[in-house]
N, C-alpha and C. Protein backbone atom coordinates (compact mmCIF):
# COMPACT_ATOMS: atom_id res chain seq x y z
N MET A 1 0.83 -1.20 0.00
CA MET A 1 0.00 0.00 0.00
C MET A 1 0.88 1.26 0.00
N LYS A 2 1.86 1.31 0.91
CA LYS A 2 2.70 2.49 1.01
C LYS A 2 3.56 2.65 -0.25
N GLU A 3 4.03 1.54 -0.82
CA GLU A 3 4.84 1.61 -2.03
C GLU A 3 4.02 2.19 -3.18
N GLU A 4 2.74 1.82 -3.24
CA GLU A 4 1.84 2.32 -4.28
C GLU A 4 1.64 3.84 -4.12
N LEU A 5 1.50 4.28 -2.89
CA LEU A 5 1.32 5.70 -2.60
C LEU A 5 2.59 6.48 -2.96
N VAL A 6 3.75 5.94 -2.62
CA VAL A 6 5.02 6.57 -2.95
C VAL A 6 5.15 6.72 -4.47
N ALA A 7 4.74 5.70 -5.21
CA ALA A 7 4.80 5.76 -6.67
C ALA A 7 3.89 6.88 -7.19
N LYS A 8 2.71 7.02 -6.60
CA LYS A 8 1.78 8.08 -7.02
C LYS A 8 2.32 9.46 -6.66
N ILE A 9 3.01 9.55 -5.53
CA ILE A 9 3.63 10.83 -5.14
C ILE A 9 4.69 11.22 -6.16
N GLU A 10 5.52 10.25 -6.56
CA GLU A 10 6.56 10.52 -7.56
C GLU A 10 5.95 10.98 -8.88
N ILE A 11 4.84 10.37 -9.27
CA ILE A 11 4.16 10.78 -10.50
C ILE A 11 3.69 12.23 -10.38
N ALA A 12 3.10 12.58 -9.23
CA ALA A 12 2.64 13.95 -9.01
C ALA A 12 3.82 14.93 -9.01
N LEU A 13 4.91 14.56 -8.35
CA LEU A 13 6.10 15.42 -8.32
C LEU A 13 6.69 15.58 -9.72
N ASN A 14 6.68 14.51 -10.50
CA ASN A 14 7.21 14.59 -11.87
C ASN A 14 6.44 15.59 -12.71
N GLY A 15 5.14 15.75 -12.41
CA GLY A 15 4.34 16.73 -13.12
C GLY A 15 4.72 18.16 -12.78
N MET A 16 5.30 18.36 -11.60
CA MET A 16 5.68 19.70 -11.15
C MET A 16 7.15 20.02 -11.47
N ARG A 17 7.95 19.01 -11.67
CA ARG A 17 9.39 19.20 -11.86
C ARG A 17 9.76 20.14 -13.00
N PRO A 18 9.10 20.08 -14.15
CA PRO A 18 9.51 20.99 -15.24
C PRO A 18 9.46 22.47 -14.83
N PHE A 19 8.50 22.84 -14.01
CA PHE A 19 8.39 24.23 -13.56
C PHE A 19 9.54 24.60 -12.63
N LEU A 20 9.90 23.68 -11.75
CA LEU A 20 11.02 23.91 -10.83
C LEU A 20 12.34 23.92 -11.60
N GLN A 21 12.48 22.97 -12.52
CA GLN A 21 13.73 22.85 -13.27
C GLN A 21 13.94 24.02 -14.20
N ALA A 22 12.86 24.65 -14.65
CA ALA A 22 12.99 25.83 -15.51
C ALA A 22 13.69 26.97 -14.78
N ASP A 23 13.58 26.97 -13.45
CA ASP A 23 14.24 27.99 -12.63
C ASP A 23 15.52 27.47 -11.98
N GLY A 24 16.01 26.30 -12.43
CA GLY A 24 17.25 25.75 -11.91
C GLY A 24 17.10 25.01 -10.60
N GLY A 25 15.89 24.54 -10.31
CA GLY A 25 15.65 23.82 -9.05
C GLY A 25 15.07 22.46 -9.30
N ASP A 26 14.67 21.82 -8.20
CA ASP A 26 14.04 20.51 -8.26
C ASP A 26 13.48 20.20 -6.88
N VAL A 27 12.84 19.06 -6.74
CA VAL A 27 12.29 18.61 -5.46
C VAL A 27 12.55 17.12 -5.35
N GLU A 28 12.83 16.66 -4.13
CA GLU A 28 12.97 15.22 -3.92
C GLU A 28 12.16 14.81 -2.70
N MET A 29 11.63 13.60 -2.77
CA MET A 29 10.90 13.06 -1.64
C MET A 29 11.90 12.50 -0.64
N VAL A 30 11.75 12.92 0.61
CA VAL A 30 12.65 12.44 1.67
C VAL A 30 11.99 11.28 2.40
N GLU A 31 10.72 11.45 2.77
CA GLU A 31 10.07 10.42 3.59
C GLU A 31 8.57 10.59 3.53
N LEU A 32 7.85 9.47 3.57
CA LEU A 32 6.42 9.46 3.81
C LEU A 32 6.24 8.74 5.14
N THR A 33 5.81 9.47 6.16
CA THR A 33 5.69 8.88 7.50
C THR A 33 4.43 8.03 7.60
N ASP A 34 4.35 7.22 8.65
CA ASP A 34 3.19 6.36 8.85
C ASP A 34 1.92 7.17 9.10
N ASP A 35 2.05 8.40 9.60
CA ASP A 35 0.87 9.24 9.82
C ASP A 35 0.60 10.16 8.62
N MET A 36 1.09 9.76 7.45
CA MET A 36 0.79 10.42 6.18
C MET A 36 1.32 11.85 6.07
N GLU A 37 2.50 12.08 6.65
CA GLU A 37 3.20 13.34 6.45
C GLU A 37 4.27 13.11 5.38
N LEU A 38 4.23 13.92 4.36
CA LEU A 38 5.19 13.82 3.27
C LEU A 38 6.28 14.86 3.49
N LYS A 39 7.52 14.40 3.56
CA LYS A 39 8.65 15.30 3.75
C LYS A 39 9.40 15.42 2.43
N LEU A 40 9.54 16.67 1.99
CA LEU A 40 10.19 16.96 0.71
C LEU A 40 11.37 17.89 0.92
N ARG A 41 12.33 17.83 0.02
CA ARG A 41 13.48 18.74 0.04
C ARG A 41 13.54 19.46 -1.30
N LEU A 42 13.58 20.78 -1.23
CA LEU A 42 13.78 21.58 -2.43
C LEU A 42 15.27 21.59 -2.74
N LEU A 43 15.61 21.48 -4.02
CA LEU A 43 17.00 21.37 -4.45
C LEU A 43 17.38 22.51 -5.39
N GLY A 44 18.67 22.70 -5.59
CA GLY A 44 19.17 23.69 -6.53
C GLY A 44 18.74 25.09 -6.14
N ASN A 45 18.39 25.89 -7.14
CA ASN A 45 17.98 27.27 -6.88
C ASN A 45 16.77 27.35 -5.97
N CYS A 46 15.92 26.32 -5.99
CA CYS A 46 14.71 26.34 -5.16
C CYS A 46 15.04 26.31 -3.66
N SER A 47 16.17 25.71 -3.31
CA SER A 47 16.50 25.59 -1.89
C SER A 47 16.83 26.92 -1.24
N SER A 48 17.30 27.89 -2.03
CA SER A 48 17.69 29.17 -1.46
C SER A 48 16.85 30.34 -1.95
N CYS A 49 15.84 30.05 -2.74
CA CYS A 49 15.01 31.10 -3.32
C CYS A 49 14.10 31.72 -2.26
N SER A 50 13.93 33.03 -2.34
CA SER A 50 13.07 33.72 -1.37
C SER A 50 11.61 33.31 -1.53
N MET A 51 11.25 32.74 -2.65
CA MET A 51 9.87 32.30 -2.89
C MET A 51 9.67 30.82 -2.56
N SER A 52 10.67 30.17 -1.98
CA SER A 52 10.59 28.72 -1.79
C SER A 52 9.44 28.30 -0.89
N SER A 53 9.14 29.09 0.15
CA SER A 53 8.02 28.70 1.02
C SER A 53 6.70 28.81 0.26
N MET A 54 6.59 29.80 -0.61
CA MET A 54 5.39 29.94 -1.44
C MET A 54 5.31 28.79 -2.45
N THR A 55 6.44 28.45 -3.04
CA THR A 55 6.48 27.32 -3.98
C THR A 55 6.02 26.06 -3.29
N MET A 56 6.51 25.82 -2.07
CA MET A 56 6.16 24.61 -1.33
C MET A 56 4.68 24.61 -0.98
N LYS A 57 4.18 25.69 -0.40
CA LYS A 57 2.79 25.74 0.06
C LYS A 57 1.79 25.79 -1.09
N ALA A 58 1.91 26.82 -1.92
CA ALA A 58 0.90 27.06 -2.95
C ALA A 58 1.03 26.10 -4.13
N GLY A 59 2.26 25.75 -4.46
CA GLY A 59 2.46 24.90 -5.63
C GLY A 59 2.48 23.42 -5.30
N ILE A 60 3.52 23.02 -4.63
CA ILE A 60 3.76 21.59 -4.42
C ILE A 60 2.72 20.98 -3.47
N GLU A 61 2.52 21.61 -2.30
CA GLU A 61 1.58 21.02 -1.33
C GLU A 61 0.18 20.93 -1.92
N ASN A 62 -0.29 21.99 -2.56
CA ASN A 62 -1.63 21.95 -3.15
C ASN A 62 -1.73 20.87 -4.22
N GLY A 63 -0.70 20.77 -5.05
CA GLY A 63 -0.70 19.75 -6.10
C GLY A 63 -0.74 18.34 -5.53
N ILE A 64 0.07 18.09 -4.52
CA ILE A 64 0.10 16.76 -3.88
C ILE A 64 -1.24 16.46 -3.21
N ARG A 65 -1.76 17.41 -2.46
CA ARG A 65 -3.00 17.16 -1.71
C ARG A 65 -4.21 17.02 -2.64
N ASN A 66 -4.20 17.72 -3.78
CA ASN A 66 -5.28 17.54 -4.75
C ASN A 66 -5.20 16.16 -5.39
N ALA A 67 -4.00 15.72 -5.71
CA ALA A 67 -3.82 14.42 -6.36
C ALA A 67 -3.98 13.27 -5.37
N LEU A 68 -3.55 13.49 -4.13
CA LEU A 68 -3.53 12.42 -3.12
C LEU A 68 -4.07 12.96 -1.79
N PRO A 69 -5.41 13.03 -1.65
CA PRO A 69 -6.00 13.61 -0.45
C PRO A 69 -5.65 12.87 0.85
N GLN A 70 -5.15 11.65 0.74
CA GLN A 70 -4.77 10.91 1.96
C GLN A 70 -3.50 11.46 2.60
N ILE A 71 -2.74 12.26 1.85
CA ILE A 71 -1.57 12.92 2.42
C ILE A 71 -2.08 14.06 3.30
N LEU A 72 -1.79 14.01 4.59
CA LEU A 72 -2.34 14.96 5.54
C LEU A 72 -1.49 16.21 5.71
N LYS A 73 -0.19 16.07 5.46
CA LYS A 73 0.71 17.20 5.69
C LYS A 73 1.89 17.09 4.75
N VAL A 74 2.31 18.23 4.22
CA VAL A 74 3.51 18.28 3.38
C VAL A 74 4.48 19.25 4.05
N THR A 75 5.68 18.77 4.35
CA THR A 75 6.67 19.55 5.07
C THR A 75 7.96 19.64 4.26
N ALA A 76 8.55 20.83 4.27
CA ALA A 76 9.86 21.01 3.63
C ALA A 76 10.94 20.75 4.67
N VAL A 77 11.93 19.96 4.29
CA VAL A 77 13.08 19.75 5.17
C VAL A 77 14.32 20.28 4.45
N SER A 78 15.29 20.74 5.24
CA SER A 78 16.51 21.26 4.64
C SER A 78 17.58 20.19 4.66
N GLU A 79 18.69 20.51 4.08
CA GLU A 79 19.80 19.53 3.93
C GLU A 79 20.10 18.80 5.21
């Protein structure tokens, strides 16, 4: 079940990657916890961009939660 969910998360992230990569950034999945918290790391230019919190909240989190409503929380983690 969790492997299937992780695969769906990767598909959703792959849909967002071109927008991040256009600005020299990317995103990687760090962990999906048992209580359905998804931990992501912004990479490249996205990791230090002043808009990164907006990118995470408005872009990535909304996209993930719309595609996978069972994900309860999306958190950004740093290096």
